[in-house]
Each structure stands twice: as structure tokens, then as C-alpha cells.
All heavy atoms as atom14 arrays in JSON, in Angstrom:
{
  "sequence": "GAFTGAETKRAGKFVLANGGTLFLDEIGELTLAAQSKILRAIQSN",
  "atom14_mask": [
    [1, 1, 1, 1, 0, 0, 0, 0, 0, 0, 0, 0, 0, 0],
    [1, 1, 1, 1, 1, 0, 0, 0, 0, 0, 0, 0, 0, 0],
    [1, 1, 1, 1, 1, 1, 1, 1, 1, 1, 1, 0, 0, 0],
    [1, 1, 1, 1, 1, 1, 1, 0, 0, 0, 0, 0, 0, 0],
    [1, 1, 1, 1, 0, 0, 0, 0, 0, 0, 0, 0, 0, 0],
    [1, 1, 1, 1, 1, 0, 0, 0, 0, 0, 0, 0, 0, 0],
    [1, 1, 1, 1, 1, 1, 1, 1, 1, 0, 0, 0, 0, 0],
    [1, 1, 1, 1, 1, 1, 1, 0, 0, 0, 0, 0, 0, 0],
    [1, 1, 1, 1, 1, 1, 1, 1, 1, 0, 0, 0, 0, 0],
    [1, 1, 1, 1, 1, 1, 1, 1, 1, 1, 1, 0, 0, 0],
    [1, 1, 1, 1, 1, 0, 0, 0, 0, 0, 0, 0, 0, 0],
    [1, 1, 1, 1, 0, 0, 0, 0, 0, 0, 0, 0, 0, 0],
    [1, 1, 1, 1, 1, 1, 1, 1, 1, 0, 0, 0, 0, 0],
    [1, 1, 1, 1, 1, 1, 1, 1, 1, 1, 1, 0, 0, 0],
    [1, 1, 1, 1, 1, 1, 1, 0, 0, 0, 0, 0, 0, 0],
    [1, 1, 1, 1, 1, 1, 1, 1, 0, 0, 0, 0, 0, 0],
    [1, 1, 1, 1, 1, 0, 0, 0, 0, 0, 0, 0, 0, 0],
    [1, 1, 1, 1, 1, 1, 1, 1, 0, 0, 0, 0, 0, 0],
    [1, 1, 1, 1, 0, 0, 0, 0, 0, 0, 0, 0, 0, 0],
    [1, 1, 1, 1, 0, 0, 0, 0, 0, 0, 0, 0, 0, 0],
    [1, 1, 1, 1, 1, 1, 1, 0, 0, 0, 0, 0, 0, 0],
    [1, 1, 1, 1, 1, 1, 1, 1, 0, 0, 0, 0, 0, 0],
    [1, 1, 1, 1, 1, 1, 1, 1, 1, 1, 1, 0, 0, 0],
    [1, 1, 1, 1, 1, 1, 1, 1, 0, 0, 0, 0, 0, 0],
    [1, 1, 1, 1, 1, 1, 1, 1, 0, 0, 0, 0, 0, 0],
    [1, 1, 1, 1, 1, 1, 1, 1, 1, 0, 0, 0, 0, 0],
    [1, 1, 1, 1, 1, 1, 1, 1, 0, 0, 0, 0, 0, 0],
    [1, 1, 1, 1, 0, 0, 0, 0, 0, 0, 0, 0, 0, 0],
    [1, 1, 1, 1, 1, 1, 1, 1, 1, 0, 0, 0, 0, 0],
    [1, 1, 1, 1, 1, 1, 1, 1, 0, 0, 0, 0, 0, 0],
    [1, 1, 1, 1, 1, 1, 1, 0, 0, 0, 0, 0, 0, 0],
    [1, 1, 1, 1, 1, 1, 1, 1, 0, 0, 0, 0, 0, 0],
    [1, 1, 1, 1, 1, 0, 0, 0, 0, 0, 0, 0, 0, 0],
    [1, 1, 1, 1, 1, 0, 0, 0, 0, 0, 0, 0, 0, 0],
    [1, 1, 1, 1, 1, 1, 1, 1, 1, 0, 0, 0, 0, 0],
    [1, 1, 1, 1, 1, 1, 0, 0, 0, 0, 0, 0, 0, 0],
    [1, 1, 1, 1, 1, 1, 1, 1, 1, 0, 0, 0, 0, 0],
    [1, 1, 1, 1, 1, 1, 1, 1, 0, 0, 0, 0, 0, 0],
    [1, 1, 1, 1, 1, 1, 1, 1, 0, 0, 0, 0, 0, 0],
    [1, 1, 1, 1, 1, 1, 1, 1, 1, 1, 1, 0, 0, 0],
    [1, 1, 1, 1, 1, 0, 0, 0, 0, 0, 0, 0, 0, 0],
    [1, 1, 1, 1, 1, 1, 1, 1, 0, 0, 0, 0, 0, 0],
    [1, 1, 1, 1, 1, 1, 1, 1, 1, 0, 0, 0, 0, 0],
    [1, 1, 1, 1, 1, 1, 0, 0, 0, 0, 0, 0, 0, 0],
    [1, 1, 1, 1, 1, 1, 1, 1, 0, 0, 0, 0, 0, 0]
  ],
  "atom14_positions": [
    [[-11.65, 3.65, -12.92], [-11.06, 3.88, -14.23], [-9.56, 4.06, -14.22], [-8.97, 4.41, -15.25], [0.0, 0.0, 0.0], [0.0, 0.0, 0.0], [0.0, 0.0, 0.0], [0.0, 0.0, 0.0], [0.0, 0.0, 0.0], [0.0, 0.0, 0.0], [0.0, 0.0, 0.0], [0.0, 0.0, 0.0], [0.0, 0.0, 0.0], [0.0, 0.0, 0.0]],
    [[-8.92, 3.83, -13.08], [-7.46, 4.01, -13.0], [-6.72, 3.06, -13.92], [-5.65, 3.38, -14.43], [-7.0, 3.83, -11.56], [0.0, 0.0, 0.0], [0.0, 0.0, 0.0], [0.0, 0.0, 0.0], [0.0, 0.0, 0.0], [0.0, 0.0, 0.0], [0.0, 0.0, 0.0], [0.0, 0.0, 0.0], [0.0, 0.0, 0.0], [0.0, 0.0, 0.0]],
    [[-7.29, 1.89, -14.13], [-6.69, 0.91, -15.04], [-7.79, -0.05, -15.47], [-8.91, -0.04, -14.94], [-5.53, 0.16, -14.36], [-5.88, -0.42, -13.01], [-6.5, -1.67, -12.89], [-5.6, 0.29, -11.84], [-6.83, -2.19, -11.66], [-5.93, -0.23, -10.6], [-6.54, -1.47, -10.49], [0.0, 0.0, 0.0], [0.0, 0.0, 0.0], [0.0, 0.0, 0.0]],
    [[-7.49, -0.88, -16.44], [-8.46, -1.84, -16.95], [-8.93, -2.77, -15.83], [-8.11, -3.4, -15.16], [-7.85, -2.69, -18.08], [-7.38, -1.82, -19.11], [-8.9, -3.65, -18.65], [0.0, 0.0, 0.0], [0.0, 0.0, 0.0], [0.0, 0.0, 0.0], [0.0, 0.0, 0.0], [0.0, 0.0, 0.0], [0.0, 0.0, 0.0], [0.0, 0.0, 0.0]],
    [[-10.22, -2.79, -15.61], [-10.77, -3.63, -14.54], [-11.09, -2.86, -13.28], [-11.76, -3.4, -12.39], [0.0, 0.0, 0.0], [0.0, 0.0, 0.0], [0.0, 0.0, 0.0], [0.0, 0.0, 0.0], [0.0, 0.0, 0.0], [0.0, 0.0, 0.0], [0.0, 0.0, 0.0], [0.0, 0.0, 0.0], [0.0, 0.0, 0.0], [0.0, 0.0, 0.0]],
    [[-10.63, -1.61, -13.18], [-10.92, -0.79, -11.99], [-12.29, -0.14, -12.17], [-12.41, 1.04, -12.54], [-9.84, 0.27, -11.8], [0.0, 0.0, 0.0], [0.0, 0.0, 0.0], [0.0, 0.0, 0.0], [0.0, 0.0, 0.0], [0.0, 0.0, 0.0], [0.0, 0.0, 0.0], [0.0, 0.0, 0.0], [0.0, 0.0, 0.0], [0.0, 0.0, 0.0]],
    [[-13.34, -0.9, -11.92], [-14.7, -0.45, -12.19], [-15.27, 0.43, -11.08], [-16.24, 1.14, -11.27], [-15.61, -1.65, -12.43], [-15.17, -2.47, -13.66], [-16.03, -3.7, -13.86], [-16.9, -3.96, -13.0], [-15.84, -4.4, -14.87], [0.0, 0.0, 0.0], [0.0, 0.0, 0.0], [0.0, 0.0, 0.0], [0.0, 0.0, 0.0], [0.0, 0.0, 0.0]],
    [[-14.68, 0.31, -9.89], [-15.14, 1.14, -8.76], [-13.93, 1.65, -7.99], [-12.82, 1.11, -8.11], [-16.03, 0.33, -7.8], [-15.29, -0.78, -7.29], [-17.29, -0.16, -8.49], [0.0, 0.0, 0.0], [0.0, 0.0, 0.0], [0.0, 0.0, 0.0], [0.0, 0.0, 0.0], [0.0, 0.0, 0.0], [0.0, 0.0, 0.0], [0.0, 0.0, 0.0]],
    [[-14.17, 2.67, -7.19], [-13.11, 3.17, -6.32], [-12.85, 2.16, -5.21], [-13.79, 1.55, -4.68], [-13.51, 4.52, -5.71], [-12.46, 5.13, -4.81], [-12.92, 6.48, -4.27], [-11.86, 7.08, -3.35], [-12.27, 8.4, -2.82], [0.0, 0.0, 0.0], [0.0, 0.0, 0.0], [0.0, 0.0, 0.0], [0.0, 0.0, 0.0], [0.0, 0.0, 0.0]],
    [[-11.6, 1.97, -4.86], [-11.26, 0.97, -3.83], [-10.21, 1.53, -2.89], [-9.18, 2.07, -3.3], [-10.71, -0.3, -4.5], [-10.39, -1.42, -3.54], [-10.14, -2.71, -4.33], [-9.9, -3.84, -3.45], [-8.7, -4.34, -3.18], [-7.63, -3.8, -3.73], [-8.57, -5.37, -2.4], [0.0, 0.0, 0.0], [0.0, 0.0, 0.0], [0.0, 0.0, 0.0]],
    [[-10.48, 1.41, -1.6], [-9.53, 1.88, -0.59], [-8.4, 0.87, -0.44], [-8.62, -0.34, -0.47], [-10.23, 2.07, 0.75], [0.0, 0.0, 0.0], [0.0, 0.0, 0.0], [0.0, 0.0, 0.0], [0.0, 0.0, 0.0], [0.0, 0.0, 0.0], [0.0, 0.0, 0.0], [0.0, 0.0, 0.0], [0.0, 0.0, 0.0], [0.0, 0.0, 0.0]],
    [[-7.19, 1.38, -0.26], [-6.03, 0.51, -0.06], [-5.84, 0.15, 1.4], [-6.54, 0.66, 2.29], [0.0, 0.0, 0.0], [0.0, 0.0, 0.0], [0.0, 0.0, 0.0], [0.0, 0.0, 0.0], [0.0, 0.0, 0.0], [0.0, 0.0, 0.0], [0.0, 0.0, 0.0], [0.0, 0.0, 0.0], [0.0, 0.0, 0.0], [0.0, 0.0, 0.0]],
    [[-4.88, -0.71, 1.65], [-4.64, -1.2, 3.01], [-4.21, -0.09, 3.97], [-4.54, -0.12, 5.15], [-3.58, -2.32, 2.98], [-3.99, -3.56, 2.2], [-5.18, -4.24, 2.83], [-5.46, -5.63, 2.27], [-5.85, -5.62, 0.87], [0.0, 0.0, 0.0], [0.0, 0.0, 0.0], [0.0, 0.0, 0.0], [0.0, 0.0, 0.0], [0.0, 0.0, 0.0]],
    [[-3.46, 0.91, 3.46], [-3.04, 2.01, 4.33], [-4.25, 2.8, 4.84], [-4.31, 3.19, 6.01], [-2.08, 2.94, 3.59], [-0.63, 2.56, 3.72], [-0.09, 1.59, 2.88], [0.18, 3.14, 4.67], [1.25, 1.23, 2.98], [1.52, 2.79, 4.79], [2.06, 1.81, 3.94], [0.0, 0.0, 0.0], [0.0, 0.0, 0.0], [0.0, 0.0, 0.0]],
    [[-5.22, 3.03, 3.96], [-6.43, 3.76, 4.36], [-7.25, 2.92, 5.33], [-7.78, 3.43, 6.33], [-7.26, 4.14, 3.12], [-8.63, 4.69, 3.54], [-6.52, 5.17, 2.28], [0.0, 0.0, 0.0], [0.0, 0.0, 0.0], [0.0, 0.0, 0.0], [0.0, 0.0, 0.0], [0.0, 0.0, 0.0], [0.0, 0.0, 0.0], [0.0, 0.0, 0.0]],
    [[-7.37, 1.62, 5.05], [-8.14, 0.74, 5.93], [-7.53, 0.68, 7.33], [-8.24, 0.5, 8.31], [-8.19, -0.68, 5.34], [-8.96, -0.84, 4.02], [-8.84, -2.28, 3.51], [-10.43, -0.47, 4.2], [0.0, 0.0, 0.0], [0.0, 0.0, 0.0], [0.0, 0.0, 0.0], [0.0, 0.0, 0.0], [0.0, 0.0, 0.0], [0.0, 0.0, 0.0]],
    [[-6.2, 0.85, 7.41], [-5.51, 0.78, 8.7], [-5.38, 2.13, 9.38], [-4.76, 2.23, 10.44], [-4.12, 0.17, 8.5], [0.0, 0.0, 0.0], [0.0, 0.0, 0.0], [0.0, 0.0, 0.0], [0.0, 0.0, 0.0], [0.0, 0.0, 0.0], [0.0, 0.0, 0.0], [0.0, 0.0, 0.0], [0.0, 0.0, 0.0], [0.0, 0.0, 0.0]],
    [[-5.95, 3.18, 8.79], [-5.81, 4.53, 9.34], [-6.31, 4.58, 10.78], [-7.42, 4.14, 11.1], [-6.61, 5.51, 8.48], [-6.23, 6.96, 8.78], [-5.09, 7.25, 9.12], [-7.19, 7.85, 8.64], [0.0, 0.0, 0.0], [0.0, 0.0, 0.0], [0.0, 0.0, 0.0], [0.0, 0.0, 0.0], [0.0, 0.0, 0.0], [0.0, 0.0, 0.0]],
    [[-5.47, 5.1, 11.68], [-5.79, 5.15, 13.1], [-5.44, 3.87, 13.83], [-5.64, 3.78, 15.05], [0.0, 0.0, 0.0], [0.0, 0.0, 0.0], [0.0, 0.0, 0.0], [0.0, 0.0, 0.0], [0.0, 0.0, 0.0], [0.0, 0.0, 0.0], [0.0, 0.0, 0.0], [0.0, 0.0, 0.0], [0.0, 0.0, 0.0], [0.0, 0.0, 0.0]],
    [[-4.93, 2.9, 13.11], [-4.59, 1.61, 13.72], [-3.21, 1.14, 13.31], [-2.26, 1.92, 13.23], [0.0, 0.0, 0.0], [0.0, 0.0, 0.0], [0.0, 0.0, 0.0], [0.0, 0.0, 0.0], [0.0, 0.0, 0.0], [0.0, 0.0, 0.0], [0.0, 0.0, 0.0], [0.0, 0.0, 0.0], [0.0, 0.0, 0.0], [0.0, 0.0, 0.0]],
    [[-3.11, -0.16, 13.02], [-1.83, -0.8, 12.74], [-1.89, -1.53, 11.41], [-2.88, -2.2, 11.1], [-1.48, -1.82, 13.84], [-1.49, -1.15, 15.11], [-0.1, -2.42, 13.61], [0.0, 0.0, 0.0], [0.0, 0.0, 0.0], [0.0, 0.0, 0.0], [0.0, 0.0, 0.0], [0.0, 0.0, 0.0], [0.0, 0.0, 0.0], [0.0, 0.0, 0.0]],
    [[-0.83, -1.39, 10.62], [-0.7, -2.12, 9.37], [0.41, -3.16, 9.54], [1.55, -2.82, 9.83], [-0.35, -1.18, 8.22], [-0.22, -1.81, 6.83], [-1.56, -2.41, 6.38], [0.26, -0.77, 5.8], [0.0, 0.0, 0.0], [0.0, 0.0, 0.0], [0.0, 0.0, 0.0], [0.0, 0.0, 0.0], [0.0, 0.0, 0.0], [0.0, 0.0, 0.0]],
    [[0.04, -4.42, 9.4], [0.99, -5.51, 9.59], [1.44, -6.03, 8.23], [0.64, -6.63, 7.49], [0.36, -6.63, 10.41], [1.25, -7.85, 10.56], [2.61, -7.7, 10.86], [0.74, -9.13, 10.43], [3.43, -8.81, 11.01], [1.55, -10.25, 10.58], [2.9, -10.08, 10.86], [0.0, 0.0, 0.0], [0.0, 0.0, 0.0], [0.0, 0.0, 0.0]],
    [[2.69, -5.79, 7.89], [3.26, -6.21, 6.61], [4.03, -7.51, 6.83], [5.2, -7.5, 7.23], [4.18, -5.12, 6.05], [3.51, -3.76, 5.8], [4.56, -2.74, 5.36], [2.41, -3.87, 4.75], [0.0, 0.0, 0.0], [0.0, 0.0, 0.0], [0.0, 0.0, 0.0], [0.0, 0.0, 0.0], [0.0, 0.0, 0.0], [0.0, 0.0, 0.0]],
    [[3.37, -8.63, 6.58], [3.99, -9.94, 6.77], [4.84, -10.29, 5.54], [4.5, -9.92, 4.41], [2.9, -10.99, 6.98], [3.46, -12.27, 7.6], [4.63, -12.26, 8.04], [2.73, -13.27, 7.65], [0.0, 0.0, 0.0], [0.0, 0.0, 0.0], [0.0, 0.0, 0.0], [0.0, 0.0, 0.0], [0.0, 0.0, 0.0], [0.0, 0.0, 0.0]],
    [[5.91, -11.0, 5.76], [6.83, -11.42, 4.68], [7.32, -10.2, 3.89], [7.39, -10.22, 2.66], [6.15, -12.42, 3.75], [5.62, -13.67, 4.43], [6.74, -14.59, 4.92], [7.92, -14.32, 4.62], [6.43, -15.58, 5.6], [0.0, 0.0, 0.0], [0.0, 0.0, 0.0], [0.0, 0.0, 0.0], [0.0, 0.0, 0.0], [0.0, 0.0, 0.0]],
    [[7.7, -9.15, 4.6], [8.14, -7.91, 3.96], [9.37, -8.13, 3.08], [9.57, -7.44, 2.07], [8.43, -6.82, 5.02], [8.76, -5.46, 4.39], [9.57, -7.25, 5.94], [7.58, -4.75, 3.85], [0.0, 0.0, 0.0], [0.0, 0.0, 0.0], [0.0, 0.0, 0.0], [0.0, 0.0, 0.0], [0.0, 0.0, 0.0], [0.0, 0.0, 0.0]],
    [[10.18, -9.13, 3.41], [11.4, -9.4, 2.66], [11.16, -9.94, 1.27], [12.09, -10.01, 0.46], [0.0, 0.0, 0.0], [0.0, 0.0, 0.0], [0.0, 0.0, 0.0], [0.0, 0.0, 0.0], [0.0, 0.0, 0.0], [0.0, 0.0, 0.0], [0.0, 0.0, 0.0], [0.0, 0.0, 0.0], [0.0, 0.0, 0.0], [0.0, 0.0, 0.0]],
    [[9.92, -10.31, 0.95], [9.61, -10.87, -0.37], [9.22, -9.81, -1.39], [9.03, -10.11, -2.56], [8.45, -11.88, -0.24], [8.7, -13.0, 0.76], [9.97, -13.77, 0.49], [10.26, -14.05, -0.69], [10.68, -14.08, 1.45], [0.0, 0.0, 0.0], [0.0, 0.0, 0.0], [0.0, 0.0, 0.0], [0.0, 0.0, 0.0], [0.0, 0.0, 0.0]],
    [[9.09, -8.55, -0.95], [8.73, -7.48, -1.89], [9.89, -7.14, -2.82], [11.06, -7.21, -2.43], [8.32, -6.22, -1.12], [6.94, -6.21, -0.46], [6.76, -4.9, 0.3], [5.84, -6.39, -1.48], [0.0, 0.0, 0.0], [0.0, 0.0, 0.0], [0.0, 0.0, 0.0], [0.0, 0.0, 0.0], [0.0, 0.0, 0.0], [0.0, 0.0, 0.0]],
    [[9.56, -6.75, -4.04], [10.6, -6.31, -4.97], [11.13, -4.95, -4.54], [10.48, -4.22, -3.77], [10.02, -6.19, -6.39], [8.98, -5.2, -6.39], [9.43, -7.53, -6.85], [0.0, 0.0, 0.0], [0.0, 0.0, 0.0], [0.0, 0.0, 0.0], [0.0, 0.0, 0.0], [0.0, 0.0, 0.0], [0.0, 0.0, 0.0], [0.0, 0.0, 0.0]],
    [[12.29, -4.58, -5.06], [12.88, -3.29, -4.71], [11.97, -2.14, -5.13], [11.86, -1.12, -4.43], [14.25, -3.15, -5.37], [15.35, -4.06, -4.8], [16.61, -3.98, -5.67], [15.69, -3.66, -3.37], [0.0, 0.0, 0.0], [0.0, 0.0, 0.0], [0.0, 0.0, 0.0], [0.0, 0.0, 0.0], [0.0, 0.0, 0.0], [0.0, 0.0, 0.0]],
    [[11.3, -2.3, -6.27], [10.39, -1.24, -6.74], [9.23, -1.05, -5.77], [8.85, 0.08, -5.44], [9.86, -1.6, -8.13], [0.0, 0.0, 0.0], [0.0, 0.0, 0.0], [0.0, 0.0, 0.0], [0.0, 0.0, 0.0], [0.0, 0.0, 0.0], [0.0, 0.0, 0.0], [0.0, 0.0, 0.0], [0.0, 0.0, 0.0], [0.0, 0.0, 0.0]],
    [[8.68, -2.15, -5.28], [7.57, -2.08, -4.32], [8.04, -1.5, -2.99], [7.31, -0.75, -2.32], [6.96, -3.46, -4.12], [0.0, 0.0, 0.0], [0.0, 0.0, 0.0], [0.0, 0.0, 0.0], [0.0, 0.0, 0.0], [0.0, 0.0, 0.0], [0.0, 0.0, 0.0], [0.0, 0.0, 0.0], [0.0, 0.0, 0.0], [0.0, 0.0, 0.0]],
    [[9.27, -1.83, -2.61], [9.82, -1.33, -1.36], [9.92, 0.2, -1.37], [9.65, 0.87, -0.37], [11.21, -1.93, -1.11], [11.19, -3.41, -0.81], [12.6, -4.0, -0.8], [13.57, -3.3, -0.5], [12.71, -5.28, -1.12], [0.0, 0.0, 0.0], [0.0, 0.0, 0.0], [0.0, 0.0, 0.0], [0.0, 0.0, 0.0], [0.0, 0.0, 0.0]],
    [[10.29, 0.76, -2.52], [10.45, 2.22, -2.61], [9.11, 2.92, -2.42], [9.04, 4.01, -1.84], [11.06, 2.6, -3.96], [10.17, 2.28, -5.02], [0.0, 0.0, 0.0], [0.0, 0.0, 0.0], [0.0, 0.0, 0.0], [0.0, 0.0, 0.0], [0.0, 0.0, 0.0], [0.0, 0.0, 0.0], [0.0, 0.0, 0.0], [0.0, 0.0, 0.0]],
    [[8.03, 2.3, -2.89], [6.7, 2.9, -2.75], [6.24, 2.88, -1.29], [5.61, 3.83, -0.81], [5.71, 2.16, -3.65], [6.03, 2.34, -5.14], [5.29, 1.35, -6.02], [5.73, 1.5, -7.47], [5.15, 0.43, -8.33], [0.0, 0.0, 0.0], [0.0, 0.0, 0.0], [0.0, 0.0, 0.0], [0.0, 0.0, 0.0], [0.0, 0.0, 0.0]],
    [[6.54, 1.8, -0.59], [6.18, 1.72, 0.83], [7.0, 2.71, 1.64], [6.5, 3.35, 2.56], [6.39, 0.29, 1.35], [5.31, -0.64, 0.79], [6.36, 0.24, 2.87], [5.43, -2.07, 1.24], [0.0, 0.0, 0.0], [0.0, 0.0, 0.0], [0.0, 0.0, 0.0], [0.0, 0.0, 0.0], [0.0, 0.0, 0.0], [0.0, 0.0, 0.0]],
    [[8.28, 2.86, 1.27], [9.17, 3.78, 1.98], [8.61, 5.2, 1.97], [8.6, 5.88, 3.0], [10.56, 3.75, 1.34], [11.57, 4.74, 1.93], [11.87, 4.4, 3.39], [12.86, 4.73, 1.11], [0.0, 0.0, 0.0], [0.0, 0.0, 0.0], [0.0, 0.0, 0.0], [0.0, 0.0, 0.0], [0.0, 0.0, 0.0], [0.0, 0.0, 0.0]],
    [[8.12, 5.63, 0.83], [7.59, 7.0, 0.72], [6.39, 7.17, 1.65], [6.26, 8.2, 2.33], [7.17, 7.27, -0.72], [6.59, 8.67, -0.91], [5.96, 8.85, -2.27], [5.2, 10.09, -2.35], [4.37, 10.39, -3.33], [4.19, 9.54, -4.32], [3.71, 11.54, -3.33], [0.0, 0.0, 0.0], [0.0, 0.0, 0.0], [0.0, 0.0, 0.0]],
    [[5.53, 6.18, 1.72], [4.34, 6.27, 2.57], [4.74, 6.33, 4.04], [4.13, 7.07, 4.83], [3.43, 5.08, 2.32], [0.0, 0.0, 0.0], [0.0, 0.0, 0.0], [0.0, 0.0, 0.0], [0.0, 0.0, 0.0], [0.0, 0.0, 0.0], [0.0, 0.0, 0.0], [0.0, 0.0, 0.0], [0.0, 0.0, 0.0], [0.0, 0.0, 0.0]],
    [[5.77, 5.57, 4.42], [6.22, 5.56, 5.82], [6.89, 6.88, 6.18], [6.69, 7.43, 7.26], [7.17, 4.37, 6.05], [6.44, 3.05, 5.85], [7.77, 4.44, 7.46], [7.34, 1.84, 5.95], [0.0, 0.0, 0.0], [0.0, 0.0, 0.0], [0.0, 0.0, 0.0], [0.0, 0.0, 0.0], [0.0, 0.0, 0.0], [0.0, 0.0, 0.0]],
    [[7.7, 7.4, 5.26], [8.44, 8.63, 5.52], [7.52, 9.84, 5.68], [7.69, 10.66, 6.59], [9.43, 8.9, 4.38], [10.66, 8.01, 4.41], [11.56, 8.26, 3.21], [11.09, 8.59, 2.13], [12.86, 8.09, 3.41], [0.0, 0.0, 0.0], [0.0, 0.0, 0.0], [0.0, 0.0, 0.0], [0.0, 0.0, 0.0], [0.0, 0.0, 0.0]],
    [[6.53, 9.96, 4.81], [5.72, 11.18, 4.76], [4.32, 11.03, 5.37], [3.6, 12.02, 5.5], [5.57, 11.64, 3.3], [4.9, 10.63, 2.54], [0.0, 0.0, 0.0], [0.0, 0.0, 0.0], [0.0, 0.0, 0.0], [0.0, 0.0, 0.0], [0.0, 0.0, 0.0], [0.0, 0.0, 0.0], [0.0, 0.0, 0.0], [0.0, 0.0, 0.0]],
    [[3.96, 9.78, 5.71], [2.59, 9.5, 6.16], [1.56, 9.96, 5.13], [0.47, 10.41, 5.46], [2.29, 10.17, 7.51], [3.1, 9.56, 8.64], [3.27, 8.35, 8.68], [3.59, 10.4, 9.53], [0.0, 0.0, 0.0], [0.0, 0.0, 0.0], [0.0, 0.0, 0.0], [0.0, 0.0, 0.0], [0.0, 0.0, 0.0], [0.0, 0.0, 0.0]]
  ]
}
């Protein structure tokens, strides 16, 4: 219910990679807004 179409709970890529490695390919193609969200996750885990 987080947004229209979110009918079930869904784990994100960070959770799926927990204990392992997250490979962000073509990182340079992300928008600045998306980059800021990734930065927070990297900084604080």
C-alpha cells in the first residue's frame, strides 16, 4: 500500500544483498536525486 500498485511487501536490492555484495552497474546514469538516496544508505548502512 505504499503507492498505487504496491499490492504486496517487496524487499529492495539492498536487503537482498545483505551480507554480500551490491553491484551498481552504470552508476553514472543515475539522477542527482537518486544519487543522494544511495549516498545516505552507504553512509549510515
